[in-house]
C-alpha atoms as a PDB file:
ATOM      1  CA  MET A   1     -58.320  92.422  57.859  1.00  0.00           C
ATOM      2  CA  VAL A   2     -61.704  90.887  57.172  1.00  0.00           C
ATOM      3  CA  GLU A   3     -64.592  92.625  58.895  1.00  0.00           C
ATOM      4  CA  ASN A   4     -67.463  90.640  60.353  1.00  0.00           C
ATOM      5  CA  GLY A   5     -70.784  90.737  58.517  1.00  0.00           C
ATOM      6  CA  THR A   6     -69.325  91.565  55.102  1.00  0.00           C
ATOM      7  CA  GLU A   7     -69.382  89.976  51.657  1.00  0.00           C
ATOM      8  CA  GLN A   8     -65.632  89.596  52.057  1.00  0.00           C
ATOM      9  CA  LEU A   9     -66.164  87.460  55.187  1.00  0.00           C
ATOM     10  CA  ALA A  10     -68.625  85.176  53.379  1.00  0.00           C
ATOM     11  CA  VAL A  11     -66.086  84.603  50.591  1.00  0.00           C
ATOM     12  CA  VAL A  12     -63.212  84.023  53.040  1.00  0.00           C
ATOM     13  CA  LYS A  13     -65.242  81.371  54.877  1.00  0.00           C
ATOM     14  CA  VAL A  14     -66.014  79.544  51.626  1.00  0.00           C
ATOM     15  CA  ILE A  15     -62.336  79.585  50.623  1.00  0.00           C
ATOM     16  CA  GLN A  16     -61.338  78.289  54.061  1.00  0.00           C
ATOM     17  CA  SER A  17     -63.771  75.386  53.799  1.00  0.00           C
ATOM     18  CA  MET A  18     -62.607  74.602  50.229  1.00  0.00           C
ATOM     19  CA  LEU A  19     -58.935  74.371  51.211  1.00  0.00           C
ATOM     20  CA  ALA A  20     -58.966  73.134  54.823  1.00  0.00           C
ATOM     21  CA  SER A  21     -58.891  69.423  53.976  1.00  0.00           C
ATOM     22  CA  HIS A  22     -55.605  69.728  52.049  1.00  0.00           C
ATOM     23  CA  TYR A  23     -53.850  72.679  53.721  1.00  0.00           C
ATOM     24  CA  THR A  24     -53.490  74.549  56.985  1.00  0.00           C
ATOM     25  CA  VAL A  25     -55.565  77.688  56.498  1.00  0.00           C
ATOM     26  CA  VAL A  26     -55.481  80.762  58.748  1.00  0.00           C
ATOM     27  CA  SER A  27     -57.302  84.046  58.269  1.00  0.00           C
ATOM     28  CA  ASN A  28     -57.326  87.556  59.629  1.00  0.00           C
ATOM     29  CA  ILE A  29     -60.969  87.881  60.619  1.00  0.00           C
ATOM     30  CA  ALA A  30     -61.781  90.799  62.935  1.00  0.00           C
ATOM     31  CA  GLN A  31     -58.098  91.298  63.847  1.00  0.00           C
ATOM     32  CA  GLU A  32     -54.711  91.100  62.171  1.00  0.00           C
ATOM     33  CA  GLN A  33     -52.750  88.265  63.728  1.00  0.00           C
ATOM     34  CA  HIS A  34     -51.327  86.156  60.874  1.00  0.00           C
ATOM     35  CA  HIS A  35     -48.746  87.750  58.585  1.00  0.00           C
ATOM     36  CA  ILE A  36     -46.482  86.976  55.660  1.00  0.00           C
ATOM     37  CA  GLY A  37     -43.891  89.287  54.170  1.00  0.00           C
ATOM     38  CA  GLY A  38     -44.782  91.927  56.745  1.00  0.00           C
ATOM     39  CA  PHE A  39     -48.378  92.109  55.503  1.00  0.00           C
ATOM     40  CA  PHE A  40     -51.618  90.639  56.769  1.00  0.00           C
ATOM     41  CA  PRO A  41     -53.506  89.003  53.886  1.00  0.00           C
ATOM     42  CA  ASP A  42     -57.085  87.884  54.380  1.00  0.00           C
ATOM     43  CA  ILE A  43     -56.008  84.224  54.186  1.00  0.00           C
ATOM     44  CA  ILE A  44     -52.688  82.402  54.426  1.00  0.00           C
ATOM     45  CA  VAL A  45     -52.571  78.846  53.101  1.00  0.00           C
ATOM     46  CA  MET A  46     -49.748  76.631  54.380  1.00  0.00           C
ATOM     47  CA  ASP A  47     -48.433  73.148  53.705  1.00  0.00           C
ATOM     48  CA  LYS A  48     -49.880  70.806  56.360  1.00  0.00           C
ATOM     49  CA  ASP A  49     -46.618  68.865  56.691  1.00  0.00           C
ATOM     50  CA  ASN A  50     -43.980  71.569  57.024  1.00  0.00           C
ATOM     51  CA  GLY A  51     -45.951  74.760  57.704  1.00  0.00           C
ATOM     52  CA  ASN A  52     -44.447  76.636  54.745  1.00  0.00           C
ATOM     53  CA  ALA A  53     -46.657  79.370  53.328  1.00  0.00           C
ATOM     54  CA  LEU A  54     -47.937  78.485  49.868  1.00  0.00           C
ATOM     55  CA  PHE A  55     -50.552  81.152  49.129  1.00  0.00           C
ATOM     56  CA  ALA A  56     -51.516  84.614  50.377  1.00  0.00           C
ATOM     57  CA  ILE A  57     -55.107  85.378  49.416  1.00  0.00           C
ATOM     58  CA  GLU A  58     -56.804  88.769  49.339  1.00  0.00           C
ATOM     59  CA  VAL A  59     -60.551  89.123  48.706  1.00  0.00           C
ATOM     60  CA  ARG A  60     -61.456  92.514  47.226  1.00  0.00           C
ATOM     61  CA  LYS A  61     -64.158  94.228  45.202  1.00  0.00           C
ATOM     62  CA  ASN A  62     -64.743  97.527  43.432  1.00  0.00           C
ATOM     63  CA  GLY A  63     -62.522 100.374  44.669  1.00  0.00           C
ATOM     64  CA  GLN A  64     -60.587  98.093  47.018  1.00  0.00           C
ATOM     65  CA  VAL A  65     -58.710  96.354  44.183  1.00  0.00           C
ATOM     66  CA  SER A  66     -56.442  99.260  43.246  1.00  0.00           C
ATOM     67  CA  HIS A  67     -55.367  99.883  46.860  1.00  0.00           C
ATOM     68  CA  CYS A  68     -54.753  96.159  47.378  1.00  0.00           C
ATOM     69  CA  ILE A  69     -52.562  95.971  44.280  1.00  0.00           C
ATOM     70  CA  GLN A  70     -50.538  99.020  45.344  1.00  0.00           C
ATOM     71  CA  GLN A  71     -50.054  97.507  48.803  1.00  0.00           C
ATOM     72  CA  TRP A  72     -48.727  94.177  47.519  1.00  0.00           C
ATOM     73  CA  LYS A  73     -46.688  95.527  44.584  1.00  0.00           C
ATOM     74  CA  SER A  74     -43.522  96.102  46.613  1.00  0.00           C
ATOM     75  CA  VAL A  75     -43.871  92.865  48.581  1.00  0.00           C
ATOM     76  CA  THR A  76     -44.460  90.224  45.898  1.00  0.00           C
ATOM     77  CA  PRO A  77     -40.873  89.951  44.621  1.00  0.00           C
ATOM     78  CA  HIS A  78     -39.871  88.807  48.124  1.00  0.00           C
ATOM     79  CA  LEU A  79     -43.084  87.046  49.122  1.00  0.00           C
ATOM     80  CA  PRO A  80     -42.431  83.380  49.993  1.00  0.00           C
ATOM     81  CA  ALA A  81     -45.852  82.412  48.619  1.00  0.00           C
ATOM     82  CA  THR A  82     -48.074  82.925  45.593  1.00  0.00           C
ATOM     83  CA  LEU A  83     -50.379  85.933  45.872  1.00  0.00           C
ATOM     84  CA  TYR A  84     -53.989  85.444  44.805  1.00  0.00           C
ATOM     85  CA  ILE A  85     -56.454  88.288  44.503  1.00  0.00           C
ATOM     86  CA  VAL A  86     -60.054  87.071  44.530  1.00  0.00           C
ATOM     87  CA  VAL A  87     -62.620  89.452  43.025  1.00  0.00           C
ATOM     88  CA  PRO A  88     -66.245  89.290  41.879  1.00  0.00           C
ATOM     89  CA  GLU A  89     -66.427  87.487  38.544  1.00  0.00           C
ATOM     90  CA  ALA A  90     -67.639  90.638  36.751  1.00  0.00           C
ATOM     91  CA  GLU A  91     -64.577  92.592  37.959  1.00  0.00           C
ATOM     92  CA  LEU A  92     -61.881  90.132  36.898  1.00  0.00           C
ATOM     93  CA  GLU A  93     -60.754  91.882  33.700  1.00  0.00           C
ATOM     94  CA  ASN A  94     -60.520  95.252  35.452  1.00  0.00           C
ATOM     95  CA  ALA A  95     -58.493  93.773  38.336  1.00  0.00           C
ATOM     96  CA  GLN A  96     -56.126  92.017  35.934  1.00  0.00           C
ATOM     97  CA  ALA A  97     -55.654  95.257  33.971  1.00  0.00           C
ATOM     98  CA  ILE A  98     -54.862  97.230  37.159  1.00  0.00           C
ATOM     99  CA  ALA A  99     -52.329  94.578  38.191  1.00  0.00           C
ATOM    100  CA  ALA A 100     -50.698  94.605  34.747  1.00  0.00           C
ATOM    101  CA  VAL A 101     -50.405  98.410  34.666  1.00  0.00           C
ATOM    102  CA  ASN A 102     -48.831  98.357  38.132  1.00  0.00           C
ATOM    103  CA  GLY A 103     -46.481  95.464  37.371  1.00  0.00           C
ATOM    104  CA  LEU A 104     -47.961  93.206  40.057  1.00  0.00           C
ATOM    105  CA  LYS A 105     -47.389  89.514  39.487  1.00  0.00           C
ATOM    106  CA  ALA A 106     -50.415  87.885  41.059  1.00  0.00           C
ATOM    107  CA  LYS A 107     -52.838  85.120  40.252  1.00  0.00           C
ATOM    108  CA  PHE A 108     -56.560  85.665  40.389  1.00  0.00           C
ATOM    109  CA  GLY A 109     -59.699  84.019  41.564  1.00  0.00           C
ATOM    110  CA  THR A 110     -63.343  84.939  41.168  1.00  0.00           C
ATOM    111  CA  TYR A 111     -66.540  84.581  43.137  1.00  0.00           C
ATOM    112  CA  LYS A 112     -70.250  85.070  42.611  1.00  0.00           C
ATOM    113  CA  MET A 113     -72.799  86.051  45.212  1.00  0.00           C
ATOM    114  CA  LYS A 114     -76.329  84.669  45.468  1.00  0.00           C
ATOM    115  CA  SER A 115     -79.290  86.973  45.917  1.00  0.00           C
ATOM    116  CA  ASP A 116     -79.610  85.804  49.546  1.00  0.00           C
ATOM    117  CA  GLY A 117     -76.067  87.035  50.350  1.00  0.00           C
ATOM    118  CA  GLY A 118     -74.467  83.604  50.209  1.00  0.00           C
ATOM    119  CA  VAL A 119     -71.520  82.752  47.996  1.00  0.00           C
ATOM    120  CA  ALA A 120     -72.508  80.875  44.828  1.00  0.00           C
ATOM    121  CA  ASN A 121     -69.000  79.723  43.905  1.00  0.00           C
ATOM    122  CA  VAL A 122     -65.310  80.539  44.126  1.00  0.00           C
ATOM    123  CA  ASN A 123     -62.867  79.670  41.338  1.00  0.00           C
ATOM    124  CA  PHE A 124     -59.094  80.005  41.281  1.00  0.00           C
ATOM    125  CA  LEU A 125     -57.709  80.688  37.815  1.00  0.00           C
END
């Protein structure tokens, strides 16, 4: 779940605005209401035409990455969508290493924050 007033929320809103013109995008802001594979990712991206889930997106930083990877490790083989974990750009290598050690098959994205608390950019790798 994405808490209001957090860096995570700022990133989720940017991702939603990036993808909304091509996909149906739902998020779990302030409460868990949208799920996939029995879990509640920060964002679920669906095909606009048929409603099929395409991507489950988690936005994490620092100590949250390891817990996130452990949580999704058992789900991803059966997940009907591609899992993306979006982390601060400086933490990408560490997040990828944690995923590799744990055997999690996920794709990654990065973001950068501006000094004013806004999101500078989000990139999906």
